[in-house]
Amino acid sequence: MNIIRFALDREPTYGILDADNVYVIAGDLSGEFAAGEKLCALGDVALLAPVQPRSVACVAANYHALCNEMGRQIPREPEVFLKPPSAVVGHLDDIIQPEVSSEVTCGGELAVVIKRETRRVSEAEALDYVLGYTCANDVSAFDPRGDRFPTRAKGHYTFCPVGPWITTGLDGDNLMLRSRLNGEMILDHSTSGMIFSVSKAVSFISQFMALEPLDIVLMGTPRPETKVSLGDVIEVEIEGIGMLRNRISSSKLTEA
């Protein structure tokens, strides 16, 4: 099942997408729900980012392939950092290169969408708190080297594209993850190569911070992030979900 967030009468609204039709959600996304009456066709609405989370928790260095390529030791436990909610944008939105940076990188990732409040849950029960999955792009700007920590480097406006929708009923630990830069494949890997599973990551994070409904957890990228330039188009595609597509733009172009 695909859950979309879209603008209806200028108000953000959730619906269920089936083929090219959008249906009302009967029930509660935090509990039981199903497709209700048909609302409209997909072409009649403008897609928004599928979530506007309160928290974006990110698991760093979470693939064996990445650690091997970078010569890093395999972490004993998930290494977690946060992105601000203001970094979140959706499918087809621009990624804005900040004026303070001349070096922006991108990394395709699986994003876990939380279903209900998650506090101190065990690994065995963690998947009961997962609503579904979506595509994500972890964008960074590390060339202002005065930053000792990744908050600014990874937290600029537009530095967390997610979408195009939330897909339920998938095995997040066994999905093909691909990325393309201007149509050229730069990443082709499986989430089965993750060091820490979805259940491990969600459980671990919930021990020290509450995850609220529709918060997201980014599960890391399998290879070093790819440097991008103005005008480049990045696509992140995940098996069973779909494709997230964004273009690198500048604030000056956006404001013009």
C-alpha atoms as a PDB file:
ATOM      1  CA  MET A   1       0.000   0.000   0.000  1.00  0.00           C
ATOM      2  CA  ASN A   2       1.252   3.498  -0.895  1.00  0.00           C
ATOM      3  CA  ILE A   3       0.376   6.429   1.362  1.00  0.00           C
ATOM      4  CA  ILE A   4       0.731   9.888  -0.151  1.00  0.00           C
ATOM      5  CA  ARG A   5       0.667  13.367   1.299  1.00  0.00           C
ATOM      6  CA  PHE A   6      -0.684  16.046  -1.002  1.00  0.00           C
ATOM      7  CA  ALA A   7      -2.190  19.510  -1.146  1.00  0.00           C
ATOM      8  CA  LEU A   8      -5.996  19.561  -1.126  1.00  0.00           C
ATOM      9  CA  ASP A   9      -7.636  22.983  -0.945  1.00  0.00           C
ATOM     10  CA  ARG A  10      -4.186  24.227   0.138  1.00  0.00           C
ATOM     11  CA  GLU A  11      -4.175  21.908   3.148  1.00  0.00           C
ATOM     12  CA  PRO A  12      -1.761  18.969   3.551  1.00  0.00           C
ATOM     13  CA  THR A  13      -3.792  15.773   3.348  1.00  0.00           C
ATOM     14  CA  TYR A  14      -2.987  12.068   3.490  1.00  0.00           C
ATOM     15  CA  GLY A  15      -4.488   9.530   1.131  1.00  0.00           C
ATOM     16  CA  ILE A  16      -3.968   6.023  -0.197  1.00  0.00           C
ATOM     17  CA  LEU A  17      -2.700   5.675  -3.751  1.00  0.00           C
ATOM     18  CA  ASP A  18      -3.904   2.689  -5.790  1.00  0.00           C
ATOM     19  CA  ALA A  19      -2.746   2.752  -9.421  1.00  0.00           C
ATOM     20  CA  ASP A  20      -3.540   6.344 -10.460  1.00  0.00           C
ATOM     21  CA  ASN A  21      -6.384   6.881  -8.014  1.00  0.00           C
ATOM     22  CA  VAL A  22      -6.301   8.550  -4.601  1.00  0.00           C
ATOM     23  CA  TYR A  23      -8.572   7.284  -1.825  1.00  0.00           C
ATOM     24  CA  VAL A  24      -9.541   8.721   1.542  1.00  0.00           C
ATOM     25  CA  ILE A  25      -7.864   7.054   4.512  1.00  0.00           C
ATOM     26  CA  ALA A  26     -10.473   5.298   6.625  1.00  0.00           C
ATOM     27  CA  GLY A  27      -9.039   5.052  10.112  1.00  0.00           C
ATOM     28  CA  ASP A  28      -5.845   6.340  11.697  1.00  0.00           C
ATOM     29  CA  LEU A  29      -2.295   6.050  10.346  1.00  0.00           C
ATOM     30  CA  SER A  30      -1.123   5.453  13.919  1.00  0.00           C
ATOM     31  CA  GLY A  31      -3.484   2.469  14.256  1.00  0.00           C
ATOM     32  CA  GLU A  32      -5.767   0.561  11.900  1.00  0.00           C
ATOM     33  CA  PHE A  33      -6.646   2.067   8.513  1.00  0.00           C
ATOM     34  CA  ALA A  34      -7.759   1.129   5.010  1.00  0.00           C
ATOM     35  CA  ALA A  35      -8.716   2.767   1.734  1.00  0.00           C
ATOM     36  CA  GLY A  36     -12.056   4.536   1.863  1.00  0.00           C
ATOM     37  CA  GLU A  37     -13.971   6.260  -0.897  1.00  0.00           C
ATOM     38  CA  LYS A  38     -12.233   7.484  -4.023  1.00  0.00           C
ATOM     39  CA  LEU A  39     -11.187  11.105  -3.723  1.00  0.00           C
ATOM     40  CA  CYS A  40      -9.592  11.986  -7.062  1.00  0.00           C
ATOM     41  CA  ALA A  41      -7.006  10.987  -9.630  1.00  0.00           C
ATOM     42  CA  LEU A  42      -3.307  11.281  -8.844  1.00  0.00           C
ATOM     43  CA  GLY A  43      -2.920  13.846 -11.611  1.00  0.00           C
ATOM     44  CA  ASP A  44      -5.377  16.133  -9.845  1.00  0.00           C
ATOM     45  CA  VAL A  45      -3.149  16.695  -6.810  1.00  0.00           C
ATOM     46  CA  ALA A  46       0.331  18.047  -6.089  1.00  0.00           C
ATOM     47  CA  LEU A  47       2.488  15.633  -4.095  1.00  0.00           C
ATOM     48  CA  LEU A  48       4.150  16.918  -0.935  1.00  0.00           C
ATOM     49  CA  ALA A  49       6.918  15.309   1.097  1.00  0.00           C
ATOM     50  CA  PRO A  50       5.226  12.171   2.466  1.00  0.00           C
ATOM     51  CA  VAL A  51       5.989  13.244   6.034  1.00  0.00           C
ATOM     52  CA  GLN A  52       6.738  16.437   7.915  1.00  0.00           C
ATOM     53  CA  PRO A  53       8.500  14.822  10.883  1.00  0.00           C
ATOM     54  CA  ARG A  54       9.348  16.254  14.262  1.00  0.00           C
ATOM     55  CA  SER A  55      12.591  14.277  14.299  1.00  0.00           C
ATOM     56  CA  VAL A  56      14.899  12.912  11.622  1.00  0.00           C
ATOM     57  CA  ALA A  57      17.326  10.383  13.117  1.00  0.00           C
ATOM     58  CA  CYS A  58      20.122   9.167  10.856  1.00  0.00           C
ATOM     59  CA  VAL A  59      22.298   6.076  11.244  1.00  0.00           C
ATOM     60  CA  ALA A  60      25.839   6.716   9.989  1.00  0.00           C
ATOM     61  CA  ALA A  61      28.292   4.187   8.518  1.00  0.00           C
ATOM     62  CA  ASN A  62      25.658   1.449   8.500  1.00  0.00           C
ATOM     63  CA  TYR A  63      26.893  -0.695   5.604  1.00  0.00           C
ATOM     64  CA  HIS A  64      29.716  -3.205   5.570  1.00  0.00           C
ATOM     65  CA  ALA A  65      30.645  -2.066   2.043  1.00  0.00           C
ATOM     66  CA  LEU A  66      31.007   1.564   3.115  1.00  0.00           C
ATOM     67  CA  CYS A  67      33.158   0.741   6.129  1.00  0.00           C
ATOM     68  CA  ASN A  68      35.356  -1.548   4.040  1.00  0.00           C
ATOM     69  CA  GLU A  69      35.814   1.059   1.301  1.00  0.00           C
ATOM     70  CA  MET A  70      36.667   3.803   3.793  1.00  0.00           C
ATOM     71  CA  GLY A  71      38.848   1.604   5.990  1.00  0.00           C
ATOM     72  CA  ARG A  72      36.615   2.135   9.012  1.00  0.00           C
ATOM     73  CA  GLN A  73      36.093  -0.301  11.827  1.00  0.00           C
ATOM     74  CA  ILE A  74      32.639  -1.851  11.964  1.00  0.00           C
ATOM     75  CA  PRO A  75      30.761   0.094  14.677  1.00  0.00           C
ATOM     76  CA  ARG A  76      29.649  -1.850  17.742  1.00  0.00           C
ATOM     77  CA  GLU A  77      26.379   0.053  17.959  1.00  0.00           C
ATOM     78  CA  PRO A  78      24.509   2.458  15.672  1.00  0.00           C
ATOM     79  CA  GLU A  79      26.132   5.876  15.298  1.00  0.00           C
ATOM     80  CA  VAL A  80      23.268   8.360  15.238  1.00  0.00           C
ATOM     81  CA  PHE A  81      22.999  12.023  14.282  1.00  0.00           C
ATOM     82  CA  LEU A  82      19.976  14.265  13.677  1.00  0.00           C
ATOM     83  CA  LYS A  83      18.756  16.447  10.840  1.00  0.00           C
ATOM     84  CA  PRO A  84      16.321  19.293  11.555  1.00  0.00           C
ATOM     85  CA  PRO A  85      12.744  18.939  10.283  1.00  0.00           C
ATOM     86  CA  SER A  86      13.297  22.084   8.175  1.00  0.00           C
ATOM     87  CA  ALA A  87      15.682  20.062   5.973  1.00  0.00           C
ATOM     88  CA  VAL A  88      12.836  17.862   4.704  1.00  0.00           C
ATOM     89  CA  VAL A  89      11.552  18.372   1.150  1.00  0.00           C
ATOM     90  CA  GLY A  90       9.717  16.098  -1.267  1.00  0.00           C
ATOM     91  CA  HIS A  91       9.892  14.468  -4.668  1.00  0.00           C
ATOM     92  CA  LEU A  92      10.766  16.938  -7.467  1.00  0.00           C
ATOM     93  CA  ASP A  93      11.655  19.702  -4.989  1.00  0.00           C
ATOM     94  CA  ASP A  94      15.023  21.381  -5.516  1.00  0.00           C
ATOM     95  CA  ILE A  95      18.018  20.752  -3.294  1.00  0.00           C
ATOM     96  CA  ILE A  96      19.396  24.221  -2.651  1.00  0.00           C
ATOM     97  CA  GLN A  97      23.172  24.550  -2.553  1.00  0.00           C
ATOM     98  CA  PRO A  98      23.922  26.999   0.280  1.00  0.00           C
ATOM     99  CA  GLU A  99      26.035  30.038  -0.494  1.00  0.00           C
ATOM    100  CA  VAL A 100      28.551  29.046   2.210  1.00  0.00           C
ATOM    101  CA  SER A 101      29.376  25.823   0.359  1.00  0.00           C
ATOM    102  CA  SER A 102      30.977  24.921  -2.932  1.00  0.00           C
ATOM    103  CA  GLU A 103      30.970  21.171  -2.262  1.00  0.00           C
ATOM    104  CA  VAL A 104      27.669  19.355  -1.854  1.00  0.00           C
ATOM    105  CA  THR A 105      27.347  15.568  -1.688  1.00  0.00           C
ATOM    106  CA  CYS A 106      24.394  13.187  -1.853  1.00  0.00           C
ATOM    107  CA  GLY A 107      23.776   9.634  -0.677  1.00  0.00           C
ATOM    108  CA  GLY A 108      20.715   7.504  -1.376  1.00  0.00           C
ATOM    109  CA  GLU A 109      19.178   5.823   1.665  1.00  0.00           C
ATOM    110  CA  LEU A 110      16.210   3.862   2.939  1.00  0.00           C
ATOM    111  CA  ALA A 111      13.997   5.885   5.282  1.00  0.00           C
ATOM    112  CA  VAL A 112      11.909   4.189   7.972  1.00  0.00           C
ATOM    113  CA  VAL A 113       8.613   5.931   8.803  1.00  0.00           C
ATOM    114  CA  ILE A 114       7.434   5.566  12.395  1.00  0.00           C
ATOM    115  CA  LYS A 115       3.793   4.590  13.012  1.00  0.00           C
ATOM    116  CA  ARG A 116       3.219   5.471  16.664  1.00  0.00           C
ATOM    117  CA  GLU A 117       5.062   6.833  19.673  1.00  0.00           C
ATOM    118  CA  THR A 118       8.192   4.743  20.170  1.00  0.00           C
ATOM    119  CA  ARG A 119       9.920   4.793  23.553  1.00  0.00           C
ATOM    120  CA  ARG A 120      12.313   2.162  24.862  1.00  0.00           C
ATOM    121  CA  VAL A 121      10.988  -0.608  22.636  1.00  0.00           C
ATOM    122  CA  SER A 122      12.817  -3.910  22.297  1.00  0.00           C
ATOM    123  CA  GLU A 123      14.357  -5.063  19.056  1.00  0.00           C
ATOM    124  CA  ALA A 124      11.798  -7.879  18.902  1.00  0.00           C
ATOM    125  CA  GLU A 125       8.850  -5.452  18.961  1.00  0.00           C
ATOM    126  CA  ALA A 126      10.388  -2.560  17.008  1.00  0.00           C
ATOM    127  CA  LEU A 127       8.830  -3.419  13.632  1.00  0.00           C
ATOM    128  CA  ASP A 128       5.371  -3.108  15.223  1.00  0.00           C
ATOM    129  CA  TYR A 129       6.155   0.614  15.452  1.00  0.00           C
ATOM    130  CA  VAL A 130       7.068   0.993  11.774  1.00  0.00           C
ATOM    131  CA  LEU A 131       4.420   2.329   9.387  1.00  0.00           C
ATOM    132  CA  GLY A 132       6.420   1.821   6.206  1.00  0.00           C
ATOM    133  CA  TYR A 133       9.349   3.002   4.126  1.00  0.00           C
ATOM    134  CA  THR A 134      10.284   5.701   1.658  1.00  0.00           C
ATOM    135  CA  CYS A 135      13.305   6.852  -0.344  1.00  0.00           C
ATOM    136  CA  ALA A 136      15.668   9.427   1.132  1.00  0.00           C
ATOM    137  CA  ASN A 137      18.716  11.427   0.096  1.00  0.00           C
ATOM    138  CA  ASP A 138      21.249  12.399   2.765  1.00  0.00           C
ATOM    139  CA  VAL A 139      22.681  15.695   1.487  1.00  0.00           C
ATOM    140  CA  SER A 140      25.797  17.221   3.042  1.00  0.00           C
ATOM    141  CA  ALA A 141      27.986  20.312   2.641  1.00  0.00           C
ATOM    142  CA  PHE A 142      31.205  19.653   4.514  1.00  0.00           C
ATOM    143  CA  ASP A 143      33.547  22.234   2.995  1.00  0.00           C
ATOM    144  CA  PRO A 144      32.994  24.862   5.729  1.00  0.00           C
ATOM    145  CA  ARG A 145      35.638  22.939   7.688  1.00  0.00           C
ATOM    146  CA  GLY A 146      35.137  25.023  10.793  1.00  0.00           C
ATOM    147  CA  ASP A 147      32.295  22.633  11.640  1.00  0.00           C
ATOM    148  CA  ARG A 148      33.463  19.907  14.024  1.00  0.00           C
ATOM    149  CA  PHE A 149      30.066  18.238  14.040  1.00  0.00           C
ATOM    150  CA  PRO A 150      27.646  17.433  11.200  1.00  0.00           C
ATOM    151  CA  THR A 151      24.667  19.513  12.324  1.00  0.00           C
ATOM    152  CA  ARG A 152      25.211  22.409   9.932  1.00  0.00           C
ATOM    153  CA  ALA A 153      26.858  20.312   7.220  1.00  0.00           C
ATOM    154  CA  LYS A 154      23.849  17.993   7.031  1.00  0.00           C
ATOM    155  CA  GLY A 155      21.099  20.282   8.301  1.00  0.00           C
ATOM    156  CA  HIS A 156      20.714  23.014   5.681  1.00  0.00           C
ATOM    157  CA  TYR A 157      17.281  23.717   4.260  1.00  0.00           C
ATOM    158  CA  THR A 158      16.351  21.051   1.622  1.00  0.00           C
ATOM    159  CA  PHE A 159      19.130  18.657   2.742  1.00  0.00           C
ATOM    160  CA  CYS A 160      16.724  15.774   3.460  1.00  0.00           C
ATOM    161  CA  PRO A 161      14.608  14.940   0.395  1.00  0.00           C
ATOM    162  CA  VAL A 162      12.173  12.071   1.002  1.00  0.00           C
ATOM    163  CA  GLY A 163       9.487  10.477  -1.133  1.00  0.00           C
ATOM    164  CA  PRO A 164       7.630  10.018  -3.311  1.00  0.00           C
ATOM    165  CA  TRP A 165       5.343   8.213  -0.822  1.00  0.00           C
ATOM    166  CA  ILE A 166       5.280   5.786   2.092  1.00  0.00           C
ATOM    167  CA  THR A 167       5.040   2.109   1.158  1.00  0.00           C
ATOM    168  CA  THR A 168       3.829  -0.459   3.669  1.00  0.00           C
ATOM    169  CA  GLY A 169       4.280  -4.222   3.820  1.00  0.00           C
ATOM    170  CA  LEU A 170       7.960  -4.373   2.805  1.00  0.00           C
ATOM    171  CA  ASP A 171      10.981  -6.085   4.341  1.00  0.00           C
ATOM    172  CA  GLY A 172      13.233  -3.081   4.894  1.00  0.00           C
ATOM    173  CA  ASP A 173      16.247  -5.319   5.454  1.00  0.00           C
ATOM    174  CA  ASN A 174      16.135  -6.807   1.964  1.00  0.00           C
ATOM    175  CA  LEU A 175      15.452  -4.175  -0.708  1.00  0.00           C
ATOM    176  CA  MET A 176      17.501  -3.058  -3.706  1.00  0.00           C
ATOM    177  CA  LEU A 177      18.711   0.527  -3.357  1.00  0.00           C
ATOM    178  CA  ARG A 178      19.871   2.380  -6.453  1.00  0.00           C
ATOM    179  CA  SER A 179      20.942   5.948  -7.180  1.00  0.00           C
ATOM    180  CA  ARG A 180      21.542   7.749 -10.477  1.00  0.00           C
ATOM    181  CA  LEU A 181      23.360  11.006 -11.176  1.00  0.00           C
ATOM    182  CA  ASN A 182      22.097  12.607 -14.394  1.00  0.00           C
ATOM    183  CA  GLY A 183      20.853   9.185 -15.488  1.00  0.00           C
ATOM    184  CA  GLU A 184      24.106   7.337 -14.758  1.00  0.00           C
ATOM    185  CA  MET A 185      24.009   4.590 -12.134  1.00  0.00           C
ATOM    186  CA  ILE A 186      26.214   5.450  -9.150  1.00  0.00           C
ATOM    187  CA  LEU A 187      24.772   3.072  -6.556  1.00  0.00           C
ATOM    188  CA  ASP A 188      23.363  -0.438  -6.873  1.00  0.00           C
ATOM    189  CA  HIS A 189      23.233  -2.258  -3.551  1.00  0.00           C
ATOM    190  CA  SER A 190      20.899  -4.152  -1.229  1.00  0.00           C
ATOM    191  CA  THR A 191      19.809  -3.101   2.230  1.00  0.00           C
ATOM    192  CA  SER A 192      20.753  -6.643   3.241  1.00  0.00           C
ATOM    193  CA  GLY A 193      24.272  -5.207   3.461  1.00  0.00           C
ATOM    194  CA  MET A 194      23.348  -3.036   6.445  1.00  0.00           C
ATOM    195  CA  ILE A 195      25.287  -3.577   9.656  1.00  0.00           C
ATOM    196  CA  PHE A 196      22.299  -2.772  11.853  1.00  0.00           C
ATOM    197  CA  SER A 197      18.816  -3.878  10.848  1.00  0.00           C
ATOM    198  CA  VAL A 198      15.737  -1.672  10.855  1.00  0.00           C
ATOM    199  CA  SER A 199      14.545  -3.255  14.110  1.00  0.00           C
ATOM    200  CA  LYS A 200      17.948  -2.774  15.752  1.00  0.00           C
ATOM    201  CA  ALA A 201      18.169   0.882  14.696  1.00  0.00           C
ATOM    202  CA  VAL A 202      14.624   1.776  15.783  1.00  0.00           C
ATOM    203  CA  SER A 203      15.044   0.002  19.117  1.00  0.00           C
ATOM    204  CA  PHE A 204      18.447   1.582  19.768  1.00  0.00           C
ATOM    205  CA  ILE A 205      17.261   5.123  19.026  1.00  0.00           C
ATOM    206  CA  SER A 206      14.119   4.683  21.120  1.00  0.00           C
ATOM    207  CA  GLN A 207      16.243   4.007  24.211  1.00  0.00           C
ATOM    208  CA  PHE A 208      17.437   7.628  24.363  1.00  0.00           C
ATOM    209  CA  MET A 209      14.854   9.673  22.418  1.00  0.00           C
ATOM    210  CA  ALA A 210      11.172   9.298  21.650  1.00  0.00           C
ATOM    211  CA  LEU A 211      10.195   8.777  18.051  1.00  0.00           C
ATOM    212  CA  GLU A 212       6.798  10.285  17.286  1.00  0.00           C
ATOM    213  CA  PRO A 213       4.273   9.238  14.625  1.00  0.00           C
ATOM    214  CA  LEU A 214       5.596  10.013  11.121  1.00  0.00           C
ATOM    215  CA  ASP A 215       9.140  10.669  12.332  1.00  0.00           C
ATOM    216  CA  ILE A 216      11.772   9.086  10.103  1.00  0.00           C
ATOM    217  CA  VAL A 217      14.970   7.117  10.567  1.00  0.00           C
ATOM    218  CA  LEU A 218      17.520   7.208   7.742  1.00  0.00           C
ATOM    219  CA  MET A 219      19.398   3.921   7.506  1.00  0.00           C
ATOM    220  CA  GLY A 220      22.651   5.033   5.874  1.00  0.00           C
ATOM    221  CA  THR A 221      24.169   4.748   2.424  1.00  0.00           C
ATOM    222  CA  PRO A 222      26.304   1.850   1.113  1.00  0.00           C
ATOM    223  CA  ARG A 223      29.055   3.955  -0.477  1.00  0.00           C
ATOM    224  CA  PRO A 224      30.802   7.296   0.079  1.00  0.00           C
ATOM    225  CA  GLU A 225      28.560  10.189  -0.821  1.00  0.00           C
ATOM    226  CA  THR A 226      28.760  11.511  -4.380  1.00  0.00           C
ATOM    227  CA  LYS A 227      29.769  15.096  -5.100  1.00  0.00           C
ATOM    228  CA  VAL A 228      27.161  16.997  -7.115  1.00  0.00           C
ATOM    229  CA  SER A 229      27.050  20.312  -8.950  1.00  0.00           C
ATOM    230  CA  LEU A 230      24.428  22.906  -9.822  1.00  0.00           C
ATOM    231  CA  GLY A 231      21.966  21.545 -12.343  1.00  0.00           C
ATOM    232  CA  ASP A 232      22.638  17.896 -11.518  1.00  0.00           C
ATOM    233  CA  VAL A 233      19.668  15.579 -11.065  1.00  0.00           C
ATOM    234  CA  ILE A 234      19.801  12.893  -8.367  1.00  0.00           C
ATOM    235  CA  GLU A 235      17.441   9.915  -8.400  1.00  0.00           C
ATOM    236  CA  VAL A 236      17.078   7.469  -5.510  1.00  0.00           C
ATOM    237  CA  GLU A 237      15.117   4.330  -6.336  1.00  0.00           C
ATOM    238  CA  ILE A 238      14.179   1.590  -3.863  1.00  0.00           C
ATOM    239  CA  GLU A 239      12.628  -1.731  -4.774  1.00  0.00           C
ATOM    240  CA  GLY A 240       8.913  -1.848  -4.056  1.00  0.00           C
ATOM    241  CA  ILE A 241       8.671   1.888  -3.328  1.00  0.00           C
ATOM    242  CA  GLY A 242       9.522   3.994  -6.357  1.00  0.00           C
ATOM    243  CA  MET A 243      11.818   6.854  -7.264  1.00  0.00           C
ATOM    244  CA  LEU A 244      12.726  10.115  -5.524  1.00  0.00           C
ATOM    245  CA  ARG A 245      14.012  12.734  -7.946  1.00  0.00           C
ATOM    246  CA  ASN A 246      15.595  16.091  -7.071  1.00  0.00           C
ATOM    247  CA  ARG A 247      17.687  18.727  -8.818  1.00  0.00           C
ATOM    248  CA  ILE A 248      20.597  20.703  -7.390  1.00  0.00           C
ATOM    249  CA  SER A 249      19.795  24.409  -7.575  1.00  0.00           C
ATOM    250  CA  SER A 250      21.025  27.645  -6.050  1.00  0.00           C
ATOM    251  CA  SER A 251      19.223  30.031  -3.757  1.00  0.00           C
ATOM    252  CA  LYS A 252      19.828  32.801  -6.287  1.00  0.00           C
ATOM    253  CA  LEU A 253      18.148  30.787  -9.048  1.00  0.00           C
ATOM    254  CA  THR A 254      15.258  29.928  -6.720  1.00  0.00           C
ATOM    255  CA  GLU A 255      14.729  33.552  -5.762  1.00  0.00           C
ATOM    256  CA  ALA A 256      14.917  34.837  -9.339  1.00  0.00           C
END
